[in-house]
Amino acid sequence: LRIFENPCVLTPPDAEPFNIVPTTTSTRPTITNPPGPYDCTFESGICNGWENMANNQFNWTRVQASTVAAPEIDHTTNTVQGYFMQADLSKGGANDYARLKSPTL
């Protein structure tokens, strides 16, 4: 492995970067640690200590990926069956806000 000051330098100088065939593939790492007390995936509901703040013009809601346009999948389950919190911007106006409070970490 060689690290260069100028990342645009090609070695050798006549290298053709468009003709390079990848030799490895990247995969998403598997999480092997059990969830900690502050981890919240929203898969089983809104987690303890998470709440919509008072005086919001609109709120965050727990939604399932299969019921919304984006994102297409939940990052926890990597499927459309997963849940997450989402603020529906169509319910707010200019300069409105929706704040979701987490537990103190």
N, C-alpha and C. Protein backbone atom coordinates (compact mmCIF):
# COMPACT_ATOMS: atom_id res chain seq x y z
N LEU A 1 0.86 -1.18 0.00
CA LEU A 1 0.00 0.00 0.00
C LEU A 1 0.89 1.22 0.00
N ARG A 2 0.60 2.15 -0.91
CA ARG A 2 1.34 3.41 -0.97
C ARG A 2 0.36 4.55 -0.81
N ILE A 3 0.68 5.48 0.04
CA ILE A 3 -0.15 6.66 0.26
C ILE A 3 0.58 7.86 -0.29
N PHE A 4 -0.10 8.64 -1.11
CA PHE A 4 0.51 9.79 -1.77
C PHE A 4 -0.05 11.08 -1.20
N GLU A 5 0.76 12.14 -1.21
CA GLU A 5 0.30 13.47 -0.84
C GLU A 5 -0.80 13.93 -1.79
N ASN A 6 -0.61 13.68 -3.07
CA ASN A 6 -1.56 14.09 -4.09
C ASN A 6 -2.33 12.86 -4.53
N PRO A 7 -3.62 12.74 -4.14
CA PRO A 7 -4.35 11.51 -4.48
C PRO A 7 -4.64 11.36 -5.97
N CYS A 8 -4.33 12.38 -6.79
CA CYS A 8 -4.60 12.29 -8.23
C CYS A 8 -3.43 11.71 -9.01
N VAL A 9 -2.33 11.41 -8.34
CA VAL A 9 -1.16 10.86 -9.02
C VAL A 9 -1.41 9.39 -9.32
N LEU A 10 -1.20 8.98 -10.57
CA LEU A 10 -1.36 7.59 -10.95
C LEU A 10 -0.01 6.90 -10.98
N THR A 11 0.05 5.69 -10.45
CA THR A 11 1.27 4.91 -10.49
C THR A 11 0.94 3.56 -11.09
N PRO A 12 1.53 3.18 -12.18
CA PRO A 12 2.49 3.94 -12.99
C PRO A 12 1.79 5.09 -13.72
N PRO A 13 2.57 6.06 -14.23
CA PRO A 13 1.99 7.24 -14.85
C PRO A 13 1.08 6.94 -16.04
N ASP A 14 1.29 5.81 -16.72
CA ASP A 14 0.46 5.49 -17.88
C ASP A 14 -0.72 4.58 -17.53
N ALA A 15 -1.03 4.47 -16.23
CA ALA A 15 -2.14 3.61 -15.80
C ALA A 15 -3.46 4.15 -16.33
N GLU A 16 -4.34 3.24 -16.66
CA GLU A 16 -5.68 3.59 -17.14
C GLU A 16 -6.69 3.19 -16.05
N PRO A 17 -7.12 4.12 -15.19
CA PRO A 17 -8.00 3.75 -14.08
C PRO A 17 -9.35 3.19 -14.51
N PHE A 18 -9.78 3.50 -15.74
CA PHE A 18 -11.07 3.01 -16.19
C PHE A 18 -11.03 1.55 -16.61
N ASN A 19 -9.82 1.01 -16.76
CA ASN A 19 -9.67 -0.38 -17.18
C ASN A 19 -9.37 -1.32 -16.02
N ILE A 20 -9.42 -0.82 -14.80
CA ILE A 20 -9.10 -1.63 -13.63
C ILE A 20 -10.32 -2.48 -13.27
N VAL A 21 -10.11 -3.77 -13.15
CA VAL A 21 -11.17 -4.70 -12.76
C VAL A 21 -11.10 -4.88 -11.25
N PRO A 22 -12.19 -4.64 -10.53
CA PRO A 22 -12.16 -4.82 -9.08
C PRO A 22 -11.82 -6.26 -8.71
N THR A 23 -11.00 -6.41 -7.69
CA THR A 23 -10.61 -7.75 -7.26
C THR A 23 -11.27 -8.15 -5.95
N THR A 24 -11.95 -7.20 -5.32
CA THR A 24 -12.63 -7.49 -4.06
C THR A 24 -14.04 -6.92 -4.12
N THR A 25 -14.87 -7.40 -3.25
CA THR A 25 -16.21 -6.84 -3.10
C THR A 25 -16.38 -6.42 -1.66
N SER A 26 -17.20 -5.42 -1.46
CA SER A 26 -17.45 -4.99 -0.08
C SER A 26 -18.78 -5.57 0.37
N THR A 27 -18.85 -5.90 1.62
CA THR A 27 -20.09 -6.41 2.21
C THR A 27 -20.36 -5.63 3.47
N ARG A 28 -21.60 -5.58 3.83
CA ARG A 28 -21.99 -4.91 5.06
C ARG A 28 -21.55 -5.77 6.25
N PRO A 29 -20.85 -5.15 7.22
CA PRO A 29 -20.40 -5.95 8.36
C PRO A 29 -21.58 -6.45 9.19
N THR A 30 -21.42 -7.61 9.75
CA THR A 30 -22.44 -8.18 10.62
C THR A 30 -22.21 -7.67 12.03
N ILE A 31 -23.27 -7.16 12.64
CA ILE A 31 -23.16 -6.68 14.03
C ILE A 31 -23.29 -7.89 14.93
N THR A 32 -22.27 -8.10 15.75
CA THR A 32 -22.28 -9.27 16.62
C THR A 32 -22.48 -8.90 18.09
N ASN A 33 -22.39 -7.62 18.41
CA ASN A 33 -22.57 -7.21 19.80
C ASN A 33 -24.06 -7.14 20.13
N PRO A 34 -24.45 -7.58 21.33
CA PRO A 34 -25.86 -7.44 21.71
C PRO A 34 -26.18 -5.95 21.89
N PRO A 35 -27.44 -5.57 21.71
CA PRO A 35 -27.79 -4.16 21.88
C PRO A 35 -27.49 -3.67 23.29
N GLY A 36 -27.04 -2.45 23.38
CA GLY A 36 -26.77 -1.84 24.67
C GLY A 36 -27.99 -1.11 25.19
N PRO A 37 -27.90 -0.53 26.38
CA PRO A 37 -29.07 0.13 26.98
C PRO A 37 -29.52 1.36 26.20
N TYR A 38 -28.68 1.94 25.36
CA TYR A 38 -29.05 3.13 24.61
C TYR A 38 -29.38 2.84 23.15
N ASP A 39 -29.28 1.58 22.73
CA ASP A 39 -29.62 1.23 21.36
C ASP A 39 -31.14 1.17 21.22
N CYS A 40 -31.63 1.75 20.13
CA CYS A 40 -33.07 1.71 19.87
C CYS A 40 -33.26 1.52 18.39
N THR A 41 -33.92 0.44 18.01
CA THR A 41 -34.18 0.18 16.59
C THR A 41 -35.62 0.52 16.22
N PHE A 42 -36.47 0.78 17.21
CA PHE A 42 -37.89 1.06 17.02
C PHE A 42 -38.65 -0.14 16.45
N GLU A 43 -38.03 -1.31 16.45
CA GLU A 43 -38.70 -2.50 15.93
C GLU A 43 -39.86 -2.94 16.83
N SER A 44 -39.74 -2.71 18.13
CA SER A 44 -40.78 -3.16 19.06
C SER A 44 -41.63 -2.01 19.59
N GLY A 45 -41.46 -0.84 19.03
CA GLY A 45 -42.22 0.33 19.50
C GLY A 45 -41.29 1.50 19.73
N ILE A 46 -41.86 2.58 20.25
CA ILE A 46 -41.03 3.74 20.59
C ILE A 46 -40.32 3.40 21.89
N CYS A 47 -39.03 3.53 21.88
CA CYS A 47 -38.20 3.08 23.01
C CYS A 47 -38.31 4.01 24.20
N ASN A 48 -38.03 3.45 25.38
CA ASN A 48 -38.06 4.23 26.61
C ASN A 48 -37.15 5.44 26.50
N GLY A 49 -37.65 6.59 26.88
CA GLY A 49 -36.84 7.80 26.89
C GLY A 49 -36.91 8.60 25.61
N TRP A 50 -37.48 8.06 24.55
CA TRP A 50 -37.64 8.78 23.29
C TRP A 50 -39.03 9.39 23.27
N GLU A 51 -39.13 10.68 22.94
CA GLU A 51 -40.44 11.31 22.91
C GLU A 51 -40.44 12.56 22.03
N ASN A 52 -41.62 12.87 21.50
CA ASN A 52 -41.79 14.13 20.79
C ASN A 52 -41.71 15.26 21.79
N MET A 53 -41.03 16.32 21.43
CA MET A 53 -40.88 17.46 22.33
C MET A 53 -42.15 18.30 22.33
N ALA A 54 -42.39 19.00 23.42
CA ALA A 54 -43.54 19.89 23.52
C ALA A 54 -43.38 21.04 22.53
N ASN A 55 -44.47 21.59 22.11
CA ASN A 55 -44.51 22.75 21.21
C ASN A 55 -44.05 22.45 19.79
N ASN A 56 -43.99 21.18 19.39
CA ASN A 56 -43.70 20.85 17.99
C ASN A 56 -44.86 21.32 17.12
N GLN A 57 -44.56 21.74 15.91
CA GLN A 57 -45.63 22.05 14.97
C GLN A 57 -46.16 20.77 14.32
N PHE A 58 -45.35 19.74 14.26
CA PHE A 58 -45.77 18.41 13.84
C PHE A 58 -44.82 17.42 14.52
N ASN A 59 -45.17 16.15 14.52
CA ASN A 59 -44.43 15.17 15.32
C ASN A 59 -43.74 14.10 14.48
N TRP A 60 -42.81 13.43 15.13
CA TRP A 60 -42.20 12.22 14.60
C TRP A 60 -43.16 11.07 14.87
N THR A 61 -43.22 10.12 13.95
CA THR A 61 -44.05 8.94 14.15
C THR A 61 -43.25 7.69 13.78
N ARG A 62 -43.61 6.59 14.40
CA ARG A 62 -42.98 5.30 14.09
C ARG A 62 -43.68 4.73 12.87
N VAL A 63 -42.91 4.45 11.83
CA VAL A 63 -43.49 3.93 10.59
C VAL A 63 -42.74 2.68 10.15
N GLN A 64 -43.42 1.88 9.35
CA GLN A 64 -42.80 0.69 8.76
C GLN A 64 -42.36 1.04 7.34
N ALA A 65 -41.20 0.58 6.95
CA ALA A 65 -40.64 0.92 5.64
C ALA A 65 -41.60 0.60 4.50
N SER A 66 -42.38 -0.46 4.63
CA SER A 66 -43.29 -0.86 3.55
C SER A 66 -44.44 0.13 3.36
N THR A 67 -44.62 1.06 4.30
CA THR A 67 -45.76 1.98 4.22
C THR A 67 -45.39 3.38 3.76
N VAL A 68 -44.12 3.63 3.49
CA VAL A 68 -43.67 4.96 3.09
C VAL A 68 -42.86 4.88 1.79
N ALA A 69 -42.75 6.01 1.10
CA ALA A 69 -42.03 6.04 -0.17
C ALA A 69 -40.52 5.93 0.02
N ALA A 70 -40.00 6.56 1.06
CA ALA A 70 -38.55 6.53 1.29
C ALA A 70 -38.30 6.59 2.79
N PRO A 71 -37.28 5.95 3.28
CA PRO A 71 -36.38 5.06 2.56
C PRO A 71 -37.09 3.76 2.20
N GLU A 72 -36.52 3.07 1.23
CA GLU A 72 -37.17 1.84 0.74
C GLU A 72 -37.05 0.68 1.72
N ILE A 73 -35.97 0.66 2.51
CA ILE A 73 -35.80 -0.41 3.50
C ILE A 73 -35.33 0.19 4.81
N ASP A 74 -35.56 -0.53 5.88
CA ASP A 74 -35.09 -0.14 7.20
C ASP A 74 -33.66 -0.65 7.37
N HIS A 75 -32.76 0.19 7.87
CA HIS A 75 -31.36 -0.22 7.96
C HIS A 75 -31.12 -1.29 9.04
N THR A 76 -32.00 -1.41 10.01
CA THR A 76 -31.80 -2.40 11.07
C THR A 76 -32.07 -3.81 10.55
N THR A 77 -33.19 -3.98 9.86
CA THR A 77 -33.56 -5.30 9.36
C THR A 77 -33.15 -5.52 7.91
N ASN A 78 -32.80 -4.43 7.24
CA ASN A 78 -32.45 -4.46 5.81
C ASN A 78 -33.61 -5.01 4.97
N THR A 79 -34.85 -4.74 5.44
CA THR A 79 -36.05 -5.19 4.74
C THR A 79 -37.10 -4.08 4.80
N VAL A 80 -38.21 -4.30 4.09
CA VAL A 80 -39.34 -3.36 4.16
C VAL A 80 -40.18 -3.60 5.42
N GLN A 81 -39.87 -4.66 6.17
CA GLN A 81 -40.63 -4.98 7.37
C GLN A 81 -40.17 -4.20 8.59
N GLY A 82 -39.00 -3.53 8.51
CA GLY A 82 -38.45 -2.82 9.65
C GLY A 82 -39.15 -1.50 9.94
N TYR A 83 -38.94 -1.01 11.15
CA TYR A 83 -39.56 0.23 11.62
C TYR A 83 -38.50 1.29 11.91
N PHE A 84 -38.91 2.55 11.81
CA PHE A 84 -38.05 3.68 12.16
C PHE A 84 -38.93 4.89 12.45
N MET A 85 -38.32 5.93 12.96
CA MET A 85 -39.05 7.17 13.24
C MET A 85 -38.90 8.10 12.04
N GLN A 86 -39.99 8.78 11.70
CA GLN A 86 -39.98 9.68 10.55
C GLN A 86 -40.85 10.90 10.84
N ALA A 87 -40.35 12.06 10.43
CA ALA A 87 -41.14 13.29 10.52
C ALA A 87 -41.71 13.54 9.13
N ASP A 88 -43.03 13.58 9.02
CA ASP A 88 -43.69 13.80 7.74
C ASP A 88 -43.69 15.28 7.43
N LEU A 89 -42.79 15.69 6.54
CA LEU A 89 -42.62 17.11 6.23
C LEU A 89 -43.86 17.72 5.58
N SER A 90 -44.71 16.90 5.00
CA SER A 90 -45.92 17.45 4.37
C SER A 90 -46.90 17.98 5.41
N LYS A 91 -46.70 17.62 6.67
CA LYS A 91 -47.59 18.09 7.73
C LYS A 91 -47.10 19.39 8.36
N GLY A 92 -45.93 19.85 7.95
CA GLY A 92 -45.40 21.09 8.49
C GLY A 92 -45.36 22.17 7.42
N GLY A 93 -45.09 23.36 7.88
CA GLY A 93 -44.96 24.49 6.96
C GLY A 93 -43.56 25.06 7.04
N ALA A 94 -43.36 26.17 6.34
CA ALA A 94 -42.05 26.83 6.36
C ALA A 94 -41.68 27.19 7.80
N ASN A 95 -40.46 26.87 8.17
CA ASN A 95 -39.90 27.17 9.50
C ASN A 95 -40.55 26.38 10.64
N ASP A 96 -41.41 25.42 10.34
CA ASP A 96 -41.95 24.55 11.38
C ASP A 96 -40.89 23.53 11.76
N TYR A 97 -41.05 22.91 12.90
CA TYR A 97 -40.07 21.94 13.34
C TYR A 97 -40.74 20.79 14.07
N ALA A 98 -40.08 19.65 14.03
CA ALA A 98 -40.49 18.47 14.77
C ALA A 98 -39.25 17.97 15.48
N ARG A 99 -39.29 17.96 16.78
CA ARG A 99 -38.11 17.55 17.57
C ARG A 99 -38.40 16.23 18.26
N LEU A 100 -37.47 15.32 18.16
CA LEU A 100 -37.55 14.02 18.82
C LEU A 100 -36.47 13.98 19.88
N LYS A 101 -36.88 13.83 21.11
CA LYS A 101 -35.94 13.83 22.24
C LYS A 101 -35.51 12.41 22.55
N SER A 102 -34.19 12.21 22.65
CA SER A 102 -33.64 10.91 23.03
C SER A 102 -33.35 10.91 24.52
N PRO A 103 -33.15 9.74 25.09
CA PRO A 103 -32.72 9.72 26.49
C PRO A 103 -31.32 10.33 26.60
N THR A 104 -30.97 10.80 27.77
CA THR A 104 -29.62 11.32 27.99
C THR A 104 -28.63 10.20 27.83
N LEU A 105 -27.66 10.41 26.97
CA LEU A 105 -26.67 9.37 26.70
C LEU A 105 -25.39 9.65 27.46
